[in-house]
């Protein structure tokens, strides 16, 4: 499926927020070109939506904690998403449909900003295809009680100020696997890589340096 979509809804924003988002869109496109496309043989494609929203303290990133009893990734902190349905036009459509199902925010309240690099999961055969989306300031989330245990709203500035605990596990490959700690639990694995890439794009867009993680031997996915 194509990773492109026809959505280009423009939402009311201040001049400062418009420049902030436009710079992020350019940084996303530039970073995506630098990522190699690996083999997807034998993997199931899924799409996730990374919702951005302007709250009282500035730009936020939203994530969810999944309910107990979910077939895949129960109790994990992740982004709204899932597998494509037959009626989905492309993976971007999947991501926005899943956000509407899980958070009650329709595509008429969203501006699709672009795709991030696909991330394979380590504990399943899924590959996550992430899409950033700007949610209208007027939108109100209504989390689906059967799928979402909590909506987590994180101010982007808090990550760069070191107010969000940030750890990483060194893998045998020499790469690091990021972990972000929140009051309701930890985000790790593919979702944390998506979060790190989102914040990396924001740093590129605004000339910021993202804090280095504290190395840890605690592996939350084992």
N, C-alpha and C. Protein backbone atom coordinates (compact mmCIF):
# COMPACT_ATOMS: atom_id res chain seq x y z
N UNK A 1 0.82 -1.19 0.00
CA UNK A 1 0.00 0.00 0.00
C UNK A 1 0.86 1.25 0.00
N UNK A 2 0.33 2.30 -0.59
CA UNK A 2 1.06 3.56 -0.60
C UNK A 2 1.12 4.17 0.78
N UNK A 3 2.20 4.87 1.08
CA UNK A 3 2.33 5.60 2.33
C UNK A 3 1.89 7.05 2.17
N UNK A 4 1.32 7.39 1.02
CA UNK A 4 0.85 8.75 0.79
C UNK A 4 -0.66 8.83 0.96
N UNK A 5 -1.17 10.01 1.19
CA UNK A 5 -2.60 10.19 1.36
C UNK A 5 -3.02 11.54 0.81
N UNK A 6 -4.31 11.67 0.51
CA UNK A 6 -4.80 12.91 -0.02
C UNK A 6 -5.17 13.94 1.02
N UNK A 7 -5.10 13.60 2.32
CA UNK A 7 -5.51 14.56 3.34
C UNK A 7 -4.55 15.73 3.39
N UNK A 8 -5.07 16.93 3.35
CA UNK A 8 -4.25 18.13 3.49
C UNK A 8 -5.05 19.23 4.19
N UNK A 9 -5.83 18.82 5.21
CA UNK A 9 -6.68 19.76 5.91
C UNK A 9 -5.84 20.79 6.63
N UNK A 10 -6.19 22.05 6.51
CA UNK A 10 -5.50 23.13 7.21
C UNK A 10 -6.31 23.52 8.43
N UNK A 11 -5.68 23.50 9.58
CA UNK A 11 -6.35 23.83 10.82
C UNK A 11 -5.93 25.21 11.29
N UNK A 12 -6.80 25.92 12.04
CA UNK A 12 -6.43 27.25 12.54
C UNK A 12 -5.23 27.17 13.47
N UNK A 13 -4.18 27.95 13.21
CA UNK A 13 -3.00 27.98 14.06
C UNK A 13 -2.47 29.41 14.08
N UNK A 14 -1.71 29.75 15.10
CA UNK A 14 -1.04 31.04 15.12
C UNK A 14 0.12 31.00 14.15
N UNK A 15 0.68 32.19 13.84
CA UNK A 15 1.82 32.24 12.94
C UNK A 15 2.99 31.46 13.51
N UNK A 16 3.22 31.56 14.84
CA UNK A 16 4.33 30.85 15.44
C UNK A 16 4.15 29.34 15.34
N UNK A 17 2.94 28.86 15.62
CA UNK A 17 2.70 27.42 15.54
C UNK A 17 2.75 26.92 14.11
N UNK A 18 2.30 27.76 13.16
CA UNK A 18 2.38 27.37 11.75
C UNK A 18 3.83 27.17 11.33
N UNK A 19 4.70 28.10 11.71
CA UNK A 19 6.12 27.96 11.37
C UNK A 19 6.73 26.74 12.06
N UNK A 20 6.33 26.48 13.30
CA UNK A 20 6.84 25.32 14.04
C UNK A 20 6.48 24.02 13.33
N UNK A 21 5.24 23.91 12.88
CA UNK A 21 4.78 22.69 12.22
C UNK A 21 5.38 22.58 10.82
N UNK A 22 5.45 23.68 10.07
CA UNK A 22 6.03 23.62 8.73
C UNK A 22 7.49 23.18 8.78
N UNK A 23 8.23 23.65 9.78
CA UNK A 23 9.63 23.22 9.93
C UNK A 23 9.70 21.74 10.26
N UNK A 24 8.77 21.26 11.07
CA UNK A 24 8.75 19.83 11.40
C UNK A 24 8.44 18.98 10.17
N UNK A 25 7.49 19.43 9.35
CA UNK A 25 7.15 18.69 8.13
C UNK A 25 8.38 18.56 7.23
N UNK A 26 9.13 19.63 7.06
CA UNK A 26 10.34 19.59 6.23
C UNK A 26 11.38 18.65 6.82
N UNK A 27 11.53 18.66 8.13
CA UNK A 27 12.51 17.78 8.77
C UNK A 27 12.12 16.32 8.64
N UNK A 28 10.83 16.02 8.74
CA UNK A 28 10.36 14.64 8.57
C UNK A 28 10.72 14.12 7.19
N UNK A 29 10.44 14.93 6.17
CA UNK A 29 10.73 14.51 4.80
C UNK A 29 12.22 14.29 4.60
N UNK A 30 13.05 15.15 5.17
CA UNK A 30 14.51 15.02 5.01
C UNK A 30 15.02 13.77 5.71
N UNK A 31 14.50 13.47 6.91
CA UNK A 31 14.97 12.29 7.64
C UNK A 31 14.53 11.01 6.95
N UNK A 32 13.34 11.00 6.40
CA UNK A 32 12.84 9.79 5.74
C UNK A 32 13.71 9.40 4.57
N UNK A 33 14.25 10.37 3.85
CA UNK A 33 15.11 10.08 2.71
C UNK A 33 16.43 9.43 3.12
N UNK A 34 16.83 9.60 4.38
CA UNK A 34 18.11 9.05 4.84
C UNK A 34 17.99 7.62 5.32
N UNK A 35 16.77 7.12 5.50
CA UNK A 35 16.59 5.78 6.04
C UNK A 35 16.53 4.76 4.92
N UNK A 36 17.33 3.69 4.98
CA UNK A 36 17.22 2.63 3.98
C UNK A 36 15.94 1.83 4.16
N UNK A 37 15.42 1.30 3.08
CA UNK A 37 14.23 0.46 3.14
C UNK A 37 14.65 -1.00 3.22
N UNK A 38 14.39 -1.62 4.35
CA UNK A 38 14.78 -3.02 4.55
C UNK A 38 13.74 -3.98 3.99
N UNK A 39 14.08 -5.26 3.96
CA UNK A 39 13.16 -6.28 3.46
C UNK A 39 11.98 -6.44 4.42
N UNK A 40 10.79 -6.55 3.85
CA UNK A 40 9.58 -6.75 4.64
C UNK A 40 9.02 -8.15 4.46
N UNK A 41 9.83 -9.06 3.91
CA UNK A 41 9.37 -10.42 3.67
C UNK A 41 8.94 -11.08 4.98
N UNK A 42 7.73 -11.65 4.97
CA UNK A 42 7.24 -12.38 6.12
C UNK A 42 6.74 -11.51 7.26
N UNK A 43 6.68 -10.19 7.07
CA UNK A 43 6.23 -9.30 8.13
C UNK A 43 4.85 -8.76 7.81
N UNK A 44 4.07 -8.52 8.85
CA UNK A 44 2.75 -7.94 8.71
C UNK A 44 2.86 -6.43 8.85
N UNK A 45 2.25 -5.71 7.92
CA UNK A 45 2.30 -4.26 7.96
C UNK A 45 1.19 -3.70 8.86
N UNK A 46 1.56 -2.77 9.68
CA UNK A 46 0.59 -2.06 10.52
C UNK A 46 0.91 -0.58 10.45
N UNK A 47 -0.06 0.23 10.80
CA UNK A 47 0.13 1.68 10.77
C UNK A 47 -0.21 2.26 12.13
N UNK A 48 0.56 3.25 12.55
CA UNK A 48 0.26 3.96 13.79
C UNK A 48 0.20 5.45 13.50
N UNK A 49 -0.61 6.14 14.28
CA UNK A 49 -0.72 7.59 14.18
C UNK A 49 -0.05 8.21 15.40
N UNK A 50 0.84 9.16 15.16
CA UNK A 50 1.49 9.91 16.24
C UNK A 50 0.77 11.26 16.31
N UNK A 51 -0.19 11.42 17.24
CA UNK A 51 -0.96 12.66 17.28
C UNK A 51 -0.17 13.78 17.95
N UNK A 52 -0.15 14.94 17.31
CA UNK A 52 0.40 16.16 17.88
C UNK A 52 -0.76 17.11 18.15
N UNK A 53 -0.65 17.88 19.24
CA UNK A 53 -1.75 18.75 19.62
C UNK A 53 -1.21 19.93 20.41
N UNK A 54 -1.76 21.10 20.16
CA UNK A 54 -1.37 22.28 20.93
C UNK A 54 -2.25 22.41 22.16
N UNK A 55 -1.62 22.24 23.34
CA UNK A 55 -2.31 22.40 24.61
C UNK A 55 -1.88 23.68 25.28
N UNK A 56 -2.22 23.82 26.55
CA UNK A 56 -1.94 25.06 27.27
C UNK A 56 -0.46 25.33 27.44
N UNK A 57 0.38 24.28 27.38
CA UNK A 57 1.83 24.44 27.54
C UNK A 57 2.59 24.28 26.23
N UNK A 58 1.89 24.32 25.13
CA UNK A 58 2.56 24.20 23.85
C UNK A 58 2.29 22.87 23.17
N UNK A 59 3.16 22.51 22.24
CA UNK A 59 2.96 21.31 21.43
C UNK A 59 3.09 20.05 22.28
N UNK A 60 2.12 19.15 22.11
CA UNK A 60 2.10 17.87 22.82
C UNK A 60 2.19 16.72 21.85
N UNK A 61 2.71 15.59 22.32
CA UNK A 61 2.61 14.31 21.64
C UNK A 61 1.69 13.43 22.49
N UNK A 62 0.75 12.78 21.83
CA UNK A 62 -0.17 11.89 22.55
C UNK A 62 0.19 10.43 22.32
N UNK A 63 0.03 9.64 23.36
CA UNK A 63 0.17 8.20 23.26
C UNK A 63 -0.92 7.56 24.11
N UNK A 64 -1.03 6.26 24.04
CA UNK A 64 -2.06 5.55 24.81
C UNK A 64 -1.43 4.39 25.57
N UNK A 65 -2.06 4.01 26.66
CA UNK A 65 -1.74 2.75 27.31
C UNK A 65 -2.85 1.77 26.96
N UNK A 66 -2.46 0.63 26.40
CA UNK A 66 -3.44 -0.34 25.94
C UNK A 66 -4.04 -1.10 27.12
N UNK A 67 -5.28 -1.51 26.94
CA UNK A 67 -5.99 -2.24 27.97
C UNK A 67 -5.44 -3.66 28.14
N UNK A 68 -5.68 -4.23 29.32
CA UNK A 68 -5.44 -5.66 29.52
C UNK A 68 -6.34 -6.44 28.56
N UNK A 69 -5.89 -7.61 28.19
CA UNK A 69 -6.71 -8.49 27.38
C UNK A 69 -6.64 -8.25 25.89
N UNK A 70 -5.86 -7.25 25.44
CA UNK A 70 -5.70 -7.05 24.00
C UNK A 70 -4.92 -8.22 23.41
N UNK A 71 -5.25 -8.57 22.18
CA UNK A 71 -4.59 -9.72 21.55
C UNK A 71 -3.11 -9.47 21.32
N UNK A 72 -2.77 -8.24 20.93
CA UNK A 72 -1.37 -7.87 20.69
C UNK A 72 -1.00 -6.68 21.58
N UNK A 73 0.15 -6.78 22.23
CA UNK A 73 0.76 -5.66 22.97
C UNK A 73 -0.15 -5.10 24.06
N UNK A 74 -0.82 -5.99 24.80
CA UNK A 74 -1.67 -5.57 25.91
C UNK A 74 -0.83 -4.85 26.96
N UNK A 75 -1.42 -3.80 27.56
CA UNK A 75 -0.84 -3.01 28.65
C UNK A 75 0.37 -2.18 28.23
N UNK A 76 0.76 -2.24 26.98
CA UNK A 76 1.91 -1.46 26.53
C UNK A 76 1.52 -0.01 26.25
N UNK A 77 2.50 0.88 26.38
CA UNK A 77 2.31 2.28 25.99
C UNK A 77 2.73 2.41 24.54
N UNK A 78 1.83 2.89 23.73
CA UNK A 78 2.04 2.87 22.28
C UNK A 78 1.30 4.06 21.66
N UNK A 79 1.21 4.04 20.34
CA UNK A 79 0.44 5.03 19.59
C UNK A 79 -0.79 4.35 19.01
N UNK A 80 -1.87 5.08 18.78
CA UNK A 80 -3.05 4.47 18.16
C UNK A 80 -2.66 3.84 16.83
N UNK A 81 -3.15 2.63 16.60
CA UNK A 81 -2.80 1.99 15.34
C UNK A 81 -3.25 0.55 15.28
N UNK A 82 -2.98 -0.08 14.14
CA UNK A 82 -3.35 -1.47 13.94
C UNK A 82 -3.14 -1.89 12.50
N UNK A 83 -3.71 -3.04 12.17
CA UNK A 83 -3.57 -3.58 10.82
C UNK A 83 -4.58 -2.95 9.87
N UNK A 84 -4.24 -2.94 8.56
CA UNK A 84 -5.19 -2.37 7.59
C UNK A 84 -6.48 -3.18 7.51
N UNK A 85 -7.58 -2.49 7.30
CA UNK A 85 -8.86 -3.11 6.96
C UNK A 85 -9.00 -3.12 5.44
N UNK A 86 -9.91 -3.96 4.96
CA UNK A 86 -10.10 -4.06 3.50
C UNK A 86 -10.49 -2.74 2.87
N UNK A 87 -11.20 -1.89 3.60
CA UNK A 87 -11.66 -0.63 3.03
C UNK A 87 -10.65 0.51 3.12
N UNK A 88 -9.50 0.28 3.73
CA UNK A 88 -8.50 1.35 3.85
C UNK A 88 -7.83 1.62 2.50
N UNK A 89 -7.69 2.90 2.16
CA UNK A 89 -7.07 3.27 0.89
C UNK A 89 -5.56 3.03 0.90
N UNK A 90 -4.94 3.27 2.04
CA UNK A 90 -3.50 3.12 2.18
C UNK A 90 -3.18 3.09 3.67
N UNK A 91 -1.92 3.01 4.01
CA UNK A 91 -1.54 2.90 5.41
C UNK A 91 -1.81 4.19 6.18
N UNK A 92 -1.75 5.34 5.50
CA UNK A 92 -2.11 6.59 6.16
C UNK A 92 -3.58 6.57 6.58
N UNK A 93 -4.42 6.04 5.70
CA UNK A 93 -5.85 5.90 6.03
C UNK A 93 -6.02 4.98 7.23
N UNK A 94 -5.25 3.89 7.26
CA UNK A 94 -5.31 2.98 8.41
C UNK A 94 -4.98 3.71 9.70
N UNK A 95 -3.90 4.49 9.68
CA UNK A 95 -3.48 5.20 10.89
C UNK A 95 -4.55 6.15 11.39
N UNK A 96 -5.17 6.92 10.48
CA UNK A 96 -6.19 7.88 10.88
C UNK A 96 -7.47 7.18 11.31
N UNK A 97 -7.81 6.09 10.65
CA UNK A 97 -9.00 5.33 11.05
C UNK A 97 -8.81 4.77 12.46
N UNK A 98 -7.63 4.23 12.72
CA UNK A 98 -7.37 3.66 14.05
C UNK A 98 -7.42 4.75 15.12
N UNK A 99 -6.92 5.95 14.82
CA UNK A 99 -7.00 7.01 15.81
C UNK A 99 -8.46 7.38 16.08
N UNK A 100 -9.27 7.40 15.04
CA UNK A 100 -10.68 7.70 15.26
C UNK A 100 -11.34 6.63 16.11
N UNK A 101 -11.01 5.36 15.85
CA UNK A 101 -11.61 4.27 16.61
C UNK A 101 -11.15 4.27 18.07
N UNK A 102 -9.87 4.60 18.30
CA UNK A 102 -9.31 4.48 19.64
C UNK A 102 -9.45 5.76 20.46
N UNK A 103 -9.45 6.93 19.79
CA UNK A 103 -9.51 8.20 20.51
C UNK A 103 -10.72 9.05 20.15
N UNK A 104 -11.51 8.61 19.19
CA UNK A 104 -12.72 9.35 18.85
C UNK A 104 -12.46 10.65 18.11
N UNK A 105 -11.33 10.77 17.45
CA UNK A 105 -10.99 11.99 16.71
C UNK A 105 -11.03 11.68 15.21
N UNK A 106 -11.96 12.30 14.51
CA UNK A 106 -12.16 12.02 13.10
C UNK A 106 -11.15 12.73 12.21
N UNK A 107 -11.08 12.28 10.97
CA UNK A 107 -10.11 12.84 10.03
C UNK A 107 -10.40 14.29 9.69
N UNK A 108 -11.65 14.76 9.92
CA UNK A 108 -11.97 16.16 9.68
C UNK A 108 -11.38 17.08 10.74
N UNK A 109 -10.79 16.51 11.80
CA UNK A 109 -10.16 17.27 12.86
C UNK A 109 -8.64 17.11 12.87
N UNK A 110 -8.12 16.63 11.74
CA UNK A 110 -6.71 16.24 11.69
C UNK A 110 -6.07 16.76 10.41
N UNK A 111 -4.81 17.18 10.53
CA UNK A 111 -3.97 17.46 9.35
C UNK A 111 -2.84 16.44 9.34
N UNK A 112 -2.78 15.63 8.31
CA UNK A 112 -1.70 14.64 8.17
C UNK A 112 -0.42 15.36 7.79
N UNK A 113 0.66 15.15 8.55
CA UNK A 113 1.91 15.87 8.33
C UNK A 113 2.93 15.10 7.51
N UNK A 114 2.94 13.77 7.64
CA UNK A 114 3.91 13.00 6.88
C UNK A 114 4.21 11.67 7.54
N UNK A 115 4.99 10.86 6.84
CA UNK A 115 5.36 9.53 7.31
C UNK A 115 6.77 9.54 7.90
N UNK A 116 6.95 8.75 8.94
CA UNK A 116 8.27 8.47 9.48
C UNK A 116 8.76 7.13 8.94
N UNK A 117 10.01 6.81 9.20
CA UNK A 117 10.57 5.55 8.75
C UNK A 117 9.85 4.38 9.43
N UNK A 118 9.61 3.31 8.68
CA UNK A 118 8.97 2.11 9.22
C UNK A 118 9.89 1.45 10.25
N UNK A 119 9.28 0.87 11.29
CA UNK A 119 10.04 0.26 12.38
C UNK A 119 9.54 -1.17 12.60
N UNK A 120 10.39 -2.18 12.43
CA UNK A 120 9.97 -3.55 12.73
C UNK A 120 9.92 -3.78 14.23
N UNK A 121 8.92 -4.53 14.70
CA UNK A 121 8.85 -4.87 16.11
C UNK A 121 9.74 -6.07 16.38
N UNK A 122 10.30 -6.13 17.59
CA UNK A 122 11.20 -7.23 17.95
C UNK A 122 10.46 -8.42 18.54
N UNK A 123 9.25 -8.20 19.08
CA UNK A 123 8.54 -9.27 19.78
C UNK A 123 7.37 -9.83 18.98
N UNK A 124 7.21 -9.38 17.73
CA UNK A 124 6.18 -9.90 16.85
C UNK A 124 6.64 -9.73 15.41
N UNK A 125 5.80 -10.12 14.46
CA UNK A 125 6.16 -10.01 13.04
C UNK A 125 5.61 -8.73 12.41
N UNK A 126 5.15 -7.81 13.22
CA UNK A 126 4.62 -6.55 12.70
C UNK A 126 5.74 -5.58 12.36
N UNK A 127 5.51 -4.78 11.34
CA UNK A 127 6.30 -3.58 11.07
C UNK A 127 5.38 -2.39 11.21
N UNK A 128 5.79 -1.43 12.04
CA UNK A 128 4.99 -0.22 12.26
C UNK A 128 5.34 0.82 11.21
N UNK A 129 4.32 1.36 10.57
CA UNK A 129 4.46 2.47 9.63
C UNK A 129 3.84 3.69 10.29
N UNK A 130 4.67 4.61 10.83
CA UNK A 130 4.14 5.73 11.60
C UNK A 130 3.82 6.95 10.73
N UNK A 131 2.76 7.64 11.11
CA UNK A 131 2.34 8.87 10.45
C UNK A 131 2.08 9.93 11.51
N UNK A 132 2.68 11.09 11.33
CA UNK A 132 2.43 12.20 12.24
C UNK A 132 1.19 12.95 11.79
N UNK A 133 0.36 13.34 12.76
CA UNK A 133 -0.87 14.06 12.44
C UNK A 133 -1.10 15.15 13.47
N UNK A 134 -1.45 16.33 12.99
CA UNK A 134 -1.75 17.45 13.87
C UNK A 134 -3.25 17.47 14.15
N UNK A 135 -3.60 17.37 15.42
CA UNK A 135 -4.99 17.36 15.85
C UNK A 135 -5.44 18.79 16.13
N UNK A 136 -6.64 19.13 15.70
CA UNK A 136 -7.19 20.46 15.93
C UNK A 136 -7.16 20.81 17.42
N UNK A 137 -6.85 22.07 17.71
CA UNK A 137 -6.86 22.52 19.11
C UNK A 137 -8.24 22.38 19.73
N UNK A 138 -9.27 22.37 18.91
CA UNK A 138 -10.65 22.26 19.41
C UNK A 138 -11.09 20.82 19.63
N UNK A 139 -10.30 19.87 19.15
CA UNK A 139 -10.70 18.47 19.25
C UNK A 139 -10.64 17.98 20.69
N UNK A 140 -11.56 17.12 21.04
CA UNK A 140 -11.60 16.51 22.37
C UNK A 140 -11.53 15.00 22.19
N UNK A 141 -10.54 14.38 22.83
CA UNK A 141 -10.37 12.93 22.72
C UNK A 141 -11.40 12.21 23.59
N UNK A 142 -11.92 11.11 23.04
CA UNK A 142 -12.84 10.24 23.77
C UNK A 142 -12.29 8.81 23.65
N UNK A 143 -11.34 8.44 24.50
CA UNK A 143 -10.69 7.12 24.38
C UNK A 143 -11.70 5.98 24.46
N UNK A 144 -11.49 4.97 23.62
CA UNK A 144 -12.33 3.78 23.59
C UNK A 144 -12.03 2.94 24.84
N UNK A 145 -13.03 2.76 25.69
CA UNK A 145 -12.80 2.10 26.98
C UNK A 145 -12.33 0.66 26.82
N UNK A 146 -12.70 0.01 25.74
CA UNK A 146 -12.31 -1.38 25.56
C UNK A 146 -10.89 -1.55 25.06
N UNK A 147 -10.27 -0.48 24.55
CA UNK A 147 -8.93 -0.59 23.99
C UNK A 147 -7.91 0.29 24.69
N UNK A 148 -8.35 1.40 25.26
CA UNK A 148 -7.43 2.39 25.80
C UNK A 148 -7.62 2.52 27.31
N UNK A 149 -6.56 2.19 28.07
CA UNK A 149 -6.62 2.33 29.53
C UNK A 149 -6.33 3.76 29.95
N UNK A 150 -5.50 4.49 29.18
CA UNK A 150 -5.14 5.86 29.53
C UNK A 150 -4.66 6.59 28.29
N UNK A 151 -4.98 7.87 28.21
CA UNK A 151 -4.42 8.77 27.20
C UNK A 151 -3.29 9.55 27.86
N UNK A 152 -2.12 9.52 27.26
CA UNK A 152 -0.94 10.19 27.81
C UNK A 152 -0.63 11.38 26.93
N UNK A 153 -0.62 12.58 27.55
CA UNK A 153 -0.35 13.82 26.82
C UNK A 153 0.99 14.36 27.29
N UNK A 154 1.97 14.41 26.39
CA UNK A 154 3.34 14.76 26.76
C UNK A 154 3.75 16.05 26.05
N UNK A 155 4.17 17.03 26.80
CA UNK A 155 4.62 18.30 26.23
C UNK A 155 6.01 18.10 25.62
N UNK A 156 6.15 18.47 24.37
CA UNK A 156 7.42 18.24 23.66
C UNK A 156 8.58 18.90 24.39
N UNK A 157 8.38 20.11 24.89
CA UNK A 157 9.46 20.83 25.57
C UNK A 157 9.99 20.06 26.78
N UNK A 158 9.13 19.26 27.43
CA UNK A 158 9.57 18.51 28.61
C UNK A 158 10.64 17.48 28.26
N UNK A 159 10.57 16.90 27.07
CA UNK A 159 11.58 15.93 26.65
C UNK A 159 12.95 16.61 26.55
N UNK A 160 12.97 17.77 25.95
CA UNK A 160 14.24 18.47 25.71
C UNK A 160 14.78 19.10 26.99
N UNK A 161 13.91 19.35 27.96
CA UNK A 161 14.35 19.91 29.24
C UNK A 161 14.75 18.82 30.23
N UNK A 162 14.67 17.55 29.81
CA UNK A 162 15.06 16.46 30.69
C UNK A 162 14.02 16.11 31.74
N UNK A 163 12.78 16.56 31.56
CA UNK A 163 11.74 16.29 32.55
C UNK A 163 11.03 14.95 32.33
N UNK A 164 11.33 14.29 31.21
CA UNK A 164 10.80 12.95 30.96
C UNK A 164 11.96 11.97 31.07
N UNK A 165 11.93 11.06 32.05
CA UNK A 165 13.03 10.10 32.19
C UNK A 165 13.26 9.31 30.89
N UNK A 166 14.51 9.25 30.46
CA UNK A 166 14.88 8.68 29.17
C UNK A 166 16.05 7.73 29.38
N UNK A 167 15.81 6.45 29.12
CA UNK A 167 16.84 5.42 29.30
C UNK A 167 17.05 4.69 27.98
N UNK A 168 18.07 3.84 27.94
CA UNK A 168 18.29 3.01 26.76
C UNK A 168 19.04 1.75 27.16
N UNK A 169 18.73 0.69 26.43
CA UNK A 169 19.42 -0.59 26.57
C UNK A 169 20.35 -0.76 25.39
N UNK A 170 21.60 -1.10 25.65
CA UNK A 170 22.54 -1.38 24.55
C UNK A 170 22.31 -2.80 24.05
N UNK A 171 22.09 -2.93 22.75
CA UNK A 171 21.83 -4.22 22.15
C UNK A 171 23.12 -4.84 21.62
N UNK A 172 23.05 -6.14 21.35
CA UNK A 172 24.24 -6.84 20.86
C UNK A 172 24.71 -6.29 19.52
N UNK A 173 23.78 -5.72 18.75
CA UNK A 173 24.12 -5.17 17.45
C UNK A 173 24.91 -3.86 17.55
N UNK A 174 25.02 -3.34 18.78
CA UNK A 174 25.68 -2.06 18.96
C UNK A 174 24.71 -0.88 18.98
N UNK A 175 23.46 -1.13 18.63
CA UNK A 175 22.46 -0.07 18.66
C UNK A 175 21.86 0.04 20.06
N UNK A 176 21.17 1.13 20.29
CA UNK A 176 20.50 1.35 21.56
C UNK A 176 18.99 1.28 21.36
N UNK A 177 18.30 0.69 22.32
CA UNK A 177 16.85 0.63 22.30
C UNK A 177 16.31 1.59 23.35
N UNK A 178 15.60 2.65 22.94
CA UNK A 178 15.19 3.69 23.89
C UNK A 178 14.03 3.25 24.77
N UNK A 179 13.95 3.88 25.95
CA UNK A 179 12.86 3.66 26.90
C UNK A 179 12.47 5.02 27.47
N UNK A 180 11.20 5.35 27.42
CA UNK A 180 10.69 6.58 28.01
C UNK A 180 9.77 6.20 29.17
N UNK A 181 9.99 6.80 30.33
CA UNK A 181 9.23 6.46 31.53
C UNK A 181 8.19 7.53 31.84
N UNK A 182 6.96 7.06 32.06
CA UNK A 182 5.84 7.95 32.41
C UNK A 182 5.18 7.44 33.70
N UNK A 183 4.28 8.23 34.23
CA UNK A 183 3.63 7.84 35.48
C UNK A 183 2.88 6.53 35.36
N UNK A 184 2.33 6.24 34.18
CA UNK A 184 1.50 5.03 34.01
C UNK A 184 2.30 3.85 33.46
N UNK A 185 3.61 4.00 33.28
CA UNK A 185 4.43 2.91 32.77
C UNK A 185 5.50 3.41 31.82
N UNK A 186 6.15 2.47 31.16
CA UNK A 186 7.27 2.78 30.27
C UNK A 186 6.92 2.46 28.82
N UNK A 187 7.38 3.32 27.93
CA UNK A 187 7.28 3.07 26.49
C UNK A 187 8.61 2.53 26.02
N UNK A 188 8.58 1.41 25.30
CA UNK A 188 9.81 0.78 24.83
C UNK A 188 9.55 0.10 23.49
N UNK A 189 10.58 -0.53 22.95
CA UNK A 189 10.42 -1.25 21.69
C UNK A 189 10.17 -0.33 20.52
N UNK A 190 9.38 -0.83 19.55
CA UNK A 190 9.16 -0.08 18.32
C UNK A 190 8.49 1.27 18.58
N UNK A 191 7.57 1.31 19.54
CA UNK A 191 6.89 2.58 19.84
C UNK A 191 7.88 3.63 20.33
N UNK A 192 8.83 3.21 21.17
CA UNK A 192 9.84 4.15 21.67
C UNK A 192 10.76 4.62 20.54
N UNK A 193 11.05 3.74 19.58
CA UNK A 193 11.84 4.17 18.42
C UNK A 193 11.08 5.22 17.61
N UNK A 194 9.75 5.03 17.48
CA UNK A 194 8.94 6.02 16.78
C UNK A 194 8.96 7.35 17.53
N UNK A 195 8.84 7.28 18.85
CA UNK A 195 8.90 8.50 19.67
C UNK A 195 10.25 9.19 19.49
N UNK A 196 11.33 8.43 19.56
CA UNK A 196 12.67 9.00 19.42
C UNK A 196 12.84 9.65 18.04
N UNK A 197 12.31 9.02 17.00
CA UNK A 197 12.42 9.57 15.66
C UNK A 197 11.61 10.86 15.53
N UNK A 198 10.43 10.88 16.15
CA UNK A 198 9.61 12.08 16.14
C UNK A 198 10.35 13.24 16.81
N UNK A 199 10.92 12.98 17.97
CA UNK A 199 11.65 14.02 18.70
C UNK A 199 12.93 14.42 17.96
N UNK A 200 13.55 13.45 17.28
CA UNK A 200 14.73 13.76 16.47
C UNK A 200 14.39 14.69 15.33
N UNK A 201 13.23 14.47 14.70
CA UNK A 201 12.80 15.36 13.62
C UNK A 201 12.51 16.76 14.16
N UNK A 202 11.91 16.82 15.34
CA UNK A 202 11.65 18.13 15.94
C UNK A 202 12.96 18.85 16.26
N UNK A 203 13.94 18.10 16.77
CA UNK A 203 15.25 18.69 17.06
C UNK A 203 15.90 19.22 15.79
N UNK A 204 15.85 18.45 14.71
CA UNK A 204 16.40 18.91 13.43
C UNK A 204 15.72 20.19 12.97
N UNK A 205 14.40 20.25 13.15
CA UNK A 205 13.63 21.38 12.65
C UNK A 205 13.96 22.67 13.37
N UNK A 206 14.37 22.55 14.64
CA UNK A 206 14.52 23.76 15.46
C UNK A 206 15.91 23.92 16.06
N UNK A 207 16.88 23.16 15.52
CA UNK A 207 18.25 23.32 15.96
C UNK A 207 18.48 22.97 17.42
N UNK A 208 17.77 21.95 17.91
CA UNK A 208 17.88 21.54 19.30
C UNK A 208 18.73 20.28 19.42
N UNK A 209 19.22 20.04 20.61
CA UNK A 209 19.96 18.81 20.90
C UNK A 209 19.13 17.97 21.85
N UNK A 210 18.89 16.73 21.47
CA UNK A 210 18.09 15.85 22.33
C UNK A 210 18.98 15.24 23.40
N UNK A 211 18.49 15.16 24.66
CA UNK A 211 19.32 14.61 25.74
C UNK A 211 19.77 13.17 25.47
N UNK A 212 20.95 12.83 25.96
CA UNK A 212 21.45 11.46 25.86
C UNK A 212 20.73 10.60 26.90
N UNK A 213 20.41 9.33 26.54
CA UNK A 213 19.73 8.48 27.51
C UNK A 213 20.70 7.94 28.57
N UNK A 214 20.15 7.64 29.73
CA UNK A 214 20.91 6.93 30.76
C UNK A 214 20.89 5.44 30.41
N UNK A 215 22.06 4.81 30.35
CA UNK A 215 22.11 3.40 29.99
C UNK A 215 21.63 2.55 31.15
N UNK A 216 20.91 1.48 30.83
CA UNK A 216 20.35 0.62 31.85
C UNK A 216 20.47 -0.84 31.43
N UNK A 217 20.49 -1.74 32.41
CA UNK A 217 20.47 -3.17 32.13
C UNK A 217 19.06 -3.75 32.30
N UNK A 218 18.11 -2.93 32.72
CA UNK A 218 16.73 -3.39 32.87
C UNK A 218 16.07 -3.45 31.50
N UNK A 219 15.58 -4.61 31.14
CA UNK A 219 14.96 -4.80 29.83
C UNK A 219 13.47 -5.02 30.03
N UNK A 220 12.64 -4.03 29.78
CA UNK A 220 11.22 -4.12 30.15
C UNK A 220 10.41 -5.11 29.32
N UNK A 221 10.90 -5.48 28.14
CA UNK A 221 10.09 -6.36 27.30
C UNK A 221 10.35 -7.85 27.55
N UNK A 222 11.25 -8.18 28.48
CA UNK A 222 11.50 -9.57 28.81
C UNK A 222 10.64 -10.01 29.98
